[in-house]
Amino acid sequence: MSGKHLAALLPQQGGTLSVQERTTPEPGPNDILIEVKAVALNPIDYYQRDFGMPPVPLYPAVLGCDVAGLVAKVGSNVKTTPPIGSRVIAFASAFYQDGKPDYGAFQQYALAQSEVVIALPDSISLESSAVLPVAVLTALTAYTTVGIPIGTRYSPEDEQAILVWGAASSVGTLAVQTAKSMGFIVYATASTKNHAYIKQLGADAVFDYKDSDVVSQIISAVTNDGVNLHTAHCVVDGGLQPTLDVLKATKGDTPAKVTHSPMLPEGHPTLENTEIKFNFPSLDKKERDDHFHDCFHGWLAEGFKAGTVVPSPPAQVEGQSLEAVDKALDTLKAGVSCKKIVVSI
């Protein structure tokens, strides 16, 4: 490994990504240096590129957070990690690292803290696995945001249900998978063309959010099934009001909990005796790092071992180099359905 590598740098807010050379960093005590082989793209990437939101504290910046690759070097305090050269996936983001570009995904070598790096089974390709890190983290954080431990395991007798509004999105597909693993009965919304796929991932019933009577359809299904629905994950914009309309009819006297993955708009709708919170991990570093470890070394690693985690949605490879990332972000921005854009590096 040379002392330099290529990175798709963002020189300033609102610019285009430019492939330039950077100095390859040495991992800190708790870091793992990854030779990046594939990256998956997320809406946050083009929001940061185009609007500087969430805030980008340092320019030139390296964006991106979903990585699959090989272990290149390991920090001195990292005790349990796959050997050098092993295939791994990682949440390689500068967001929780003060914007330091050594940690961004869109480069040939990226740092990631050890809590968010795990070994990849031989049966899963690098490109398909790159879709997982952010979606897994976001889906699992939705529970802890409203006080539900990710170690929760309901039995069928508990009859605990959840509504996932926007299940065909990247996070939505993992919201379904995580909910199923926790024992929830899963009601979900998606376009009709994606219903069969969402059911394959574990949803018990899927409804077309475009139907004018979708709220009454869900309420009828919950009532007929005789289950307890007072928990919801609103994954996409525009889903909060219908989600609350469902809960108003299904929660009874039980306090309801709603996690909202997009930013909550000012003056958003509310519902009596219902907690509505923006999906975000703890601001306390120790709590956040422990949560990261539980998500990756706990839920995801255990799911890999059991063969129960499906990389979802399917990867749509848009290019084979860092030069392709900027155009691939435009493809994502134009809109995709039940696919995740991936670039091989």
Protein backbone atom coordinates (compact mmCIF):
# COMPACT_ATOMS: atom_id res chain seq x y z
CA MET A 1 0.00 0.00 0.00
CA SER A 2 1.45 3.36 -1.05
CA GLY A 3 1.20 6.52 1.01
CA LYS A 4 -1.35 8.04 -1.37
CA HIS A 5 -4.75 7.03 -2.68
CA LEU A 6 -7.54 8.49 -4.79
CA ALA A 7 -10.66 10.05 -3.33
CA ALA A 8 -13.80 11.66 -4.77
CA LEU A 9 -13.47 15.01 -3.00
CA LEU A 10 -16.14 17.67 -2.62
CA PRO A 11 -14.17 20.96 -2.87
CA GLN A 12 -17.02 23.17 -1.63
CA GLN A 13 -20.76 23.13 -1.00
CA GLY A 14 -22.82 22.78 -4.14
CA GLY A 15 -19.92 21.58 -6.25
CA THR A 16 -19.31 18.33 -8.07
CA LEU A 17 -17.09 15.56 -6.78
CA SER A 18 -13.53 15.69 -8.07
CA VAL A 19 -11.19 12.68 -7.99
CA GLN A 20 -7.89 13.70 -6.42
CA GLU A 21 -5.02 12.19 -4.50
CA ARG A 22 -5.02 12.08 -0.69
CA THR A 23 -2.55 10.87 1.89
CA THR A 24 -3.56 7.41 3.12
CA PRO A 25 -4.12 7.67 6.88
CA GLU A 26 -2.81 5.40 9.62
CA PRO A 27 -5.60 3.96 11.77
CA GLY A 28 -6.01 5.40 15.25
CA PRO A 29 -6.13 3.04 18.24
CA ASN A 30 -9.81 2.14 17.72
CA ASP A 31 -9.86 2.43 13.91
CA ILE A 32 -9.76 -0.03 11.04
CA LEU A 33 -8.40 1.05 7.66
CA ILE A 34 -10.45 -0.46 4.84
CA GLU A 35 -9.47 -0.88 1.21
CA VAL A 36 -12.77 0.15 -0.35
CA LYS A 37 -14.17 -2.12 -3.08
CA ALA A 38 -17.79 -0.96 -3.26
CA VAL A 39 -19.84 1.94 -1.94
CA ALA A 40 -23.60 2.37 -1.73
CA LEU A 41 -25.19 5.79 -2.08
CA ASN A 42 -27.76 7.41 0.21
CA PRO A 43 -29.89 10.55 -0.07
CA ILE A 44 -27.78 12.16 2.67
CA ASP A 45 -24.84 12.05 0.23
CA TYR A 46 -26.42 14.31 -2.38
CA TYR A 47 -27.99 16.50 0.31
CA GLN A 48 -24.49 17.13 1.63
CA ARG A 49 -23.04 17.59 -1.85
CA ASP A 50 -25.73 20.00 -3.06
CA PHE A 51 -26.90 21.81 0.08
CA GLY A 52 -24.26 21.21 2.75
CA MET A 53 -26.88 19.50 4.92
CA PRO A 54 -26.40 17.84 7.31
CA PRO A 55 -23.57 20.30 7.98
CA VAL A 56 -20.18 19.58 6.40
CA PRO A 57 -17.64 21.08 8.83
CA LEU A 58 -14.53 20.64 6.64
CA TYR A 59 -13.81 21.17 2.94
CA PRO A 60 -12.56 19.53 0.86
CA ALA A 61 -14.83 16.79 2.15
CA VAL A 62 -15.14 13.07 1.53
CA LEU A 63 -18.78 12.07 1.62
CA GLY A 64 -20.43 8.66 1.80
CA CYS A 65 -20.92 6.10 4.54
CA ASP A 66 -21.77 2.65 3.09
CA VAL A 67 -18.61 0.62 2.42
CA ALA A 68 -17.64 -2.93 1.54
CA GLY A 69 -13.99 -3.85 1.18
CA LEU A 70 -10.92 -5.47 2.69
CA VAL A 71 -9.18 -4.92 6.02
CA ALA A 72 -5.93 -3.08 5.25
CA LYS A 73 -4.66 -2.08 8.72
CA VAL A 74 -5.91 -2.27 12.29
CA GLY A 75 -5.52 0.13 15.22
CA SER A 76 -3.53 -0.88 18.29
CA ASN A 77 -6.56 -1.19 20.60
CA VAL A 78 -8.76 -3.21 18.26
CA LYS A 79 -8.88 -6.69 19.81
CA THR A 80 -11.49 -8.54 17.80
CA THR A 81 -11.36 -7.93 14.08
CA PRO A 82 -11.13 -10.03 10.94
CA PRO A 83 -7.54 -10.63 9.79
CA ILE A 84 -5.82 -8.33 7.30
CA GLY A 85 -7.26 -8.94 3.84
CA SER A 86 -10.64 -10.13 5.15
CA ARG A 87 -13.84 -8.98 3.50
CA VAL A 88 -15.84 -6.56 5.66
CA ILE A 89 -18.65 -4.04 5.54
CA ALA A 90 -18.60 -0.80 7.48
CA PHE A 91 -20.40 2.41 8.30
CA ALA A 92 -17.51 4.60 7.12
CA SER A 93 -18.77 8.11 7.67
CA ALA A 94 -17.11 11.41 8.57
CA PHE A 95 -20.36 12.58 10.19
CA TYR A 96 -19.50 11.38 13.71
CA GLN A 97 -15.79 12.13 13.23
CA ASP A 98 -15.98 15.95 13.08
CA GLY A 99 -16.08 15.78 9.29
CA LYS A 100 -12.54 14.43 8.99
CA PRO A 101 -12.16 13.26 5.38
CA ASP A 102 -10.10 10.20 6.36
CA TYR A 103 -13.41 8.61 7.46
CA GLY A 104 -15.57 9.26 4.37
CA ALA A 105 -16.57 6.36 2.13
CA PHE A 106 -15.92 7.76 -1.35
CA GLN A 107 -12.22 6.91 -1.57
CA GLN A 108 -9.91 3.96 -2.10
CA TYR A 109 -8.93 3.72 1.59
CA ALA A 110 -11.25 4.80 4.40
CA LEU A 111 -11.10 4.68 8.18
CA ALA A 112 -13.97 3.40 10.30
CA GLN A 113 -14.27 2.92 14.04
CA SER A 114 -14.16 -0.74 15.01
CA GLU A 115 -17.72 -0.76 16.40
CA VAL A 116 -19.14 -0.43 12.89
CA VAL A 117 -16.95 -2.91 10.98
CA ILE A 118 -17.87 -6.60 10.72
CA ALA A 119 -16.82 -9.58 8.65
CA LEU A 120 -18.80 -10.42 5.53
CA PRO A 121 -19.90 -14.02 4.85
CA ASP A 122 -18.39 -15.58 1.73
CA SER A 123 -21.88 -16.11 0.32
CA ILE A 124 -22.58 -12.37 0.01
CA SER A 125 -20.90 -10.23 -2.66
CA LEU A 126 -19.19 -6.95 -1.84
CA GLU A 127 -21.57 -5.01 -4.09
CA SER A 128 -24.76 -6.46 -2.58
CA SER A 129 -23.50 -6.13 1.00
CA ALA A 130 -22.61 -2.44 0.60
CA VAL A 131 -26.31 -1.62 0.79
CA LEU A 132 -26.54 -2.64 4.45
CA PRO A 133 -24.63 -0.47 6.94
CA VAL A 134 -26.61 2.79 6.98
CA ALA A 135 -29.95 1.05 6.52
CA VAL A 136 -29.27 -1.41 9.34
CA LEU A 137 -28.09 1.36 11.66
CA THR A 138 -31.05 3.61 10.86
CA ALA A 139 -33.62 0.83 11.14
CA LEU A 140 -32.31 -0.32 14.53
CA THR A 141 -31.90 3.22 15.87
CA ALA A 142 -35.60 3.75 15.20
CA TYR A 143 -36.38 1.42 18.10
CA THR A 144 -33.95 2.83 20.64
CA THR A 145 -35.06 6.37 19.74
CA VAL A 146 -38.44 5.60 21.30
CA GLY A 147 -37.10 3.41 24.10
CA ILE A 148 -37.45 -0.07 22.58
CA PRO A 149 -34.24 -2.12 23.14
CA ILE A 150 -32.99 -3.84 19.98
CA GLY A 151 -32.67 -7.03 22.00
CA THR A 152 -36.47 -7.12 22.28
CA ARG A 153 -37.95 -10.45 21.19
CA TYR A 154 -41.74 -10.64 21.26
CA SER A 155 -43.50 -14.00 21.10
CA PRO A 156 -46.56 -14.57 18.86
CA GLU A 157 -48.68 -14.59 22.02
CA ASP A 158 -47.66 -10.96 22.69
CA GLU A 159 -49.46 -9.91 19.46
CA GLN A 160 -47.29 -6.80 19.18
CA ALA A 161 -47.53 -5.12 15.77
CA ILE A 162 -45.66 -2.31 14.03
CA LEU A 163 -46.50 -0.12 11.02
CA VAL A 164 -43.62 0.61 8.61
CA TRP A 165 -44.64 3.48 6.33
CA GLY A 166 -42.35 3.47 3.27
CA ALA A 167 -41.13 -0.12 3.31
CA ALA A 168 -39.65 -0.20 -0.22
CA SER A 169 -37.01 2.39 0.63
CA SER A 170 -33.55 1.22 1.64
CA VAL A 171 -34.20 1.86 5.33
CA GLY A 172 -37.76 0.58 4.96
CA THR A 173 -36.64 -2.85 3.80
CA LEU A 174 -34.41 -3.16 6.89
CA ALA A 175 -37.17 -1.76 9.08
CA VAL A 176 -39.23 -4.77 7.98
CA GLN A 177 -36.38 -7.24 8.54
CA THR A 178 -35.44 -5.86 11.96
CA ALA A 179 -39.08 -5.72 13.08
CA LYS A 180 -39.61 -9.33 12.07
CA SER A 181 -36.49 -10.42 13.96
CA MET A 182 -37.83 -8.72 17.09
CA GLY A 183 -41.12 -10.60 16.88
CA PHE A 184 -43.37 -7.79 15.66
CA ILE A 185 -46.31 -8.49 13.37
CA VAL A 186 -45.39 -6.20 10.47
CA TYR A 187 -47.82 -4.02 8.54
CA ALA A 188 -46.14 -2.04 5.76
CA THR A 189 -46.85 0.35 2.91
CA ALA A 190 -45.26 0.31 -0.54
CA SER A 191 -46.17 0.57 -4.21
CA THR A 192 -48.11 -2.46 -5.43
CA LYS A 193 -45.22 -3.58 -7.66
CA ASN A 194 -43.06 -4.04 -4.52
CA HIS A 195 -45.59 -5.88 -2.33
CA ALA A 196 -44.31 -9.38 -3.08
CA TYR A 197 -40.72 -8.36 -2.31
CA ILE A 198 -41.64 -6.68 0.98
CA LYS A 199 -43.55 -9.81 2.02
CA GLN A 200 -40.47 -11.92 1.20
CA LEU A 201 -38.53 -9.77 3.68
CA GLY A 202 -41.03 -10.58 6.43
CA ALA A 203 -44.00 -8.20 6.22
CA ASP A 204 -47.27 -9.85 7.23
CA ALA A 205 -49.42 -7.44 5.22
CA VAL A 206 -48.52 -4.73 2.70
CA PHE A 207 -50.75 -1.89 1.53
CA ASP A 208 -50.49 0.56 -1.38
CA TYR A 209 -49.91 3.98 0.16
CA LYS A 210 -51.45 5.57 -2.98
CA ASP A 211 -54.88 4.04 -2.31
CA SER A 212 -57.29 6.72 -1.14
CA ASP A 213 -58.61 4.37 1.56
CA VAL A 214 -55.24 2.95 2.66
CA VAL A 215 -55.75 4.11 6.26
CA SER A 216 -59.06 2.31 6.61
CA GLN A 217 -57.59 -0.78 4.91
CA ILE A 218 -54.82 -0.99 7.53
CA ILE A 219 -57.22 -0.31 10.42
CA SER A 220 -59.54 -3.07 9.19
CA ALA A 221 -56.67 -5.55 8.87
CA VAL A 222 -55.36 -4.76 12.37
CA THR A 223 -58.85 -5.02 13.85
CA ASN A 224 -59.54 -8.32 12.10
CA ASP A 225 -56.17 -9.72 13.19
CA GLY A 226 -56.84 -8.72 16.80
CA VAL A 227 -53.31 -7.44 17.42
CA ASN A 228 -51.82 -4.51 19.35
CA LEU A 229 -50.64 -1.73 17.02
CA HIS A 230 -49.22 1.27 18.86
CA THR A 231 -45.72 1.44 17.35
CA ALA A 232 -44.72 2.87 13.96
CA HIS A 233 -41.67 3.79 11.92
CA CYS A 234 -42.35 6.51 9.38
CA VAL A 235 -39.49 6.05 6.90
CA VAL A 236 -40.45 8.56 4.20
CA ASP A 237 -41.69 12.14 3.98
CA GLY A 238 -45.45 12.54 3.81
CA GLY A 239 -46.24 9.45 5.85
CA LEU A 240 -46.71 10.92 9.31
CA GLN A 241 -50.34 12.06 9.06
CA PRO A 242 -51.69 8.75 7.70
CA THR A 243 -49.55 6.87 10.23
CA LEU A 244 -51.14 8.88 13.04
CA ASP A 245 -54.59 8.34 11.51
CA VAL A 246 -54.02 4.58 11.75
CA LEU A 247 -52.68 4.75 15.31
CA LYS A 248 -55.59 6.90 16.45
CA ALA A 249 -57.89 3.99 15.65
CA THR A 250 -55.63 1.13 16.78
CA LYS A 251 -53.72 2.22 19.88
CA GLY A 252 -56.66 2.39 22.26
CA ASP A 253 -55.59 3.83 25.62
CA THR A 254 -51.99 2.63 25.18
CA PRO A 255 -49.33 5.33 24.64
CA ALA A 256 -48.11 5.16 21.05
CA LYS A 257 -44.56 5.57 19.73
CA VAL A 258 -43.60 6.87 16.28
CA THR A 259 -40.06 7.17 14.96
CA HIS A 260 -39.68 9.55 12.01
CA SER A 261 -36.58 8.96 9.88
CA PRO A 262 -36.74 12.14 7.74
CA MET A 263 -36.28 15.41 9.56
CA LEU A 264 -39.50 16.32 11.35
CA PRO A 265 -40.93 19.47 9.75
CA GLU A 266 -41.93 22.40 11.91
CA GLY A 267 -45.56 22.22 12.91
CA HIS A 268 -45.78 18.52 12.10
CA PRO A 269 -49.01 16.69 12.95
CA THR A 270 -49.33 15.20 16.42
CA LEU A 271 -51.62 12.76 18.22
CA GLU A 272 -52.70 12.69 21.85
CA ASN A 273 -50.68 10.31 24.07
CA THR A 274 -48.27 9.65 21.19
CA GLU A 275 -44.49 10.16 21.25
CA ILE A 276 -43.11 11.29 17.87
CA LYS A 277 -39.32 11.50 17.65
CA PHE A 278 -36.75 12.11 14.92
CA ASN A 279 -34.69 8.99 14.34
CA PHE A 280 -31.19 9.75 15.64
CA PRO A 281 -28.64 7.96 17.83
CA SER A 282 -27.50 9.33 21.17
CA LEU A 283 -25.37 12.48 21.22
CA ASP A 284 -23.34 10.93 24.03
CA LYS A 285 -20.30 9.27 22.40
CA LYS A 286 -20.10 6.33 24.82
CA GLU A 287 -23.81 5.55 24.48
CA ARG A 288 -23.62 5.96 20.71
CA ASP A 289 -20.55 3.72 20.34
CA ASP A 290 -22.22 1.03 22.46
CA HIS A 291 -25.30 1.29 20.28
CA PHE A 292 -23.19 1.03 17.11
CA HIS A 293 -21.57 -2.11 18.52
CA ASP A 294 -24.98 -3.62 19.35
CA CYS A 295 -26.23 -2.90 15.83
CA PHE A 296 -23.24 -4.31 13.94
CA HIS A 297 -21.50 -6.84 16.21
CA GLY A 298 -24.86 -7.81 17.72
CA TRP A 299 -27.89 -7.77 15.44
CA LEU A 300 -26.15 -7.80 12.04
CA ALA A 301 -23.36 -10.24 12.91
CA GLU A 302 -25.87 -12.61 14.49
CA GLY A 303 -28.12 -12.30 11.44
CA PHE A 304 -25.20 -13.12 9.13
CA LYS A 305 -24.33 -16.15 11.24
CA ALA A 306 -27.92 -17.38 11.20
CA GLY A 307 -28.38 -16.59 7.51
CA THR A 308 -31.47 -14.50 8.26
CA VAL A 309 -30.31 -11.09 6.99
CA VAL A 310 -30.97 -10.32 3.33
CA PRO A 311 -29.02 -7.44 1.76
CA SER A 312 -31.89 -5.20 0.73
CA PRO A 313 -32.99 -3.61 -1.47
CA PRO A 314 -31.16 -5.16 -4.46
CA ALA A 315 -28.00 -3.33 -5.55
CA GLN A 316 -28.07 -1.43 -8.84
CA VAL A 317 -24.42 -1.01 -9.87
CA GLU A 318 -23.83 2.34 -11.59
CA GLY A 319 -20.15 2.41 -12.52
CA GLN A 320 -16.81 0.87 -11.68
CA SER A 321 -14.71 3.79 -10.41
CA LEU A 322 -14.63 6.82 -8.15
CA GLU A 323 -15.25 8.96 -11.25
CA ALA A 324 -18.69 7.36 -11.50
CA VAL A 325 -19.85 8.42 -8.03
CA ASP A 326 -20.97 11.95 -8.89
CA LYS A 327 -23.15 10.85 -11.80
CA ALA A 328 -24.50 7.95 -9.72
CA LEU A 329 -25.59 10.48 -7.07
CA ASP A 330 -27.57 12.28 -9.78
CA THR A 331 -29.22 8.97 -10.69
CA LEU A 332 -30.19 8.46 -7.05
CA LYS A 333 -31.45 12.05 -6.79
CA ALA A 334 -33.69 11.50 -9.84
CA GLY A 335 -35.37 8.67 -7.93
CA VAL A 336 -35.14 4.90 -7.65
CA SER A 337 -37.69 2.39 -6.35
CA CYS A 338 -36.75 -0.66 -4.29
CA LYS A 339 -33.14 -0.45 -5.48
CA LYS A 340 -29.95 0.91 -3.94
CA ILE A 341 -27.33 2.56 -6.13
CA VAL A 342 -23.87 1.01 -5.73
CA VAL A 343 -20.53 1.94 -7.33
CA SER A 344 -17.64 -0.51 -7.51
CA ILE A 345 -14.24 1.02 -6.74
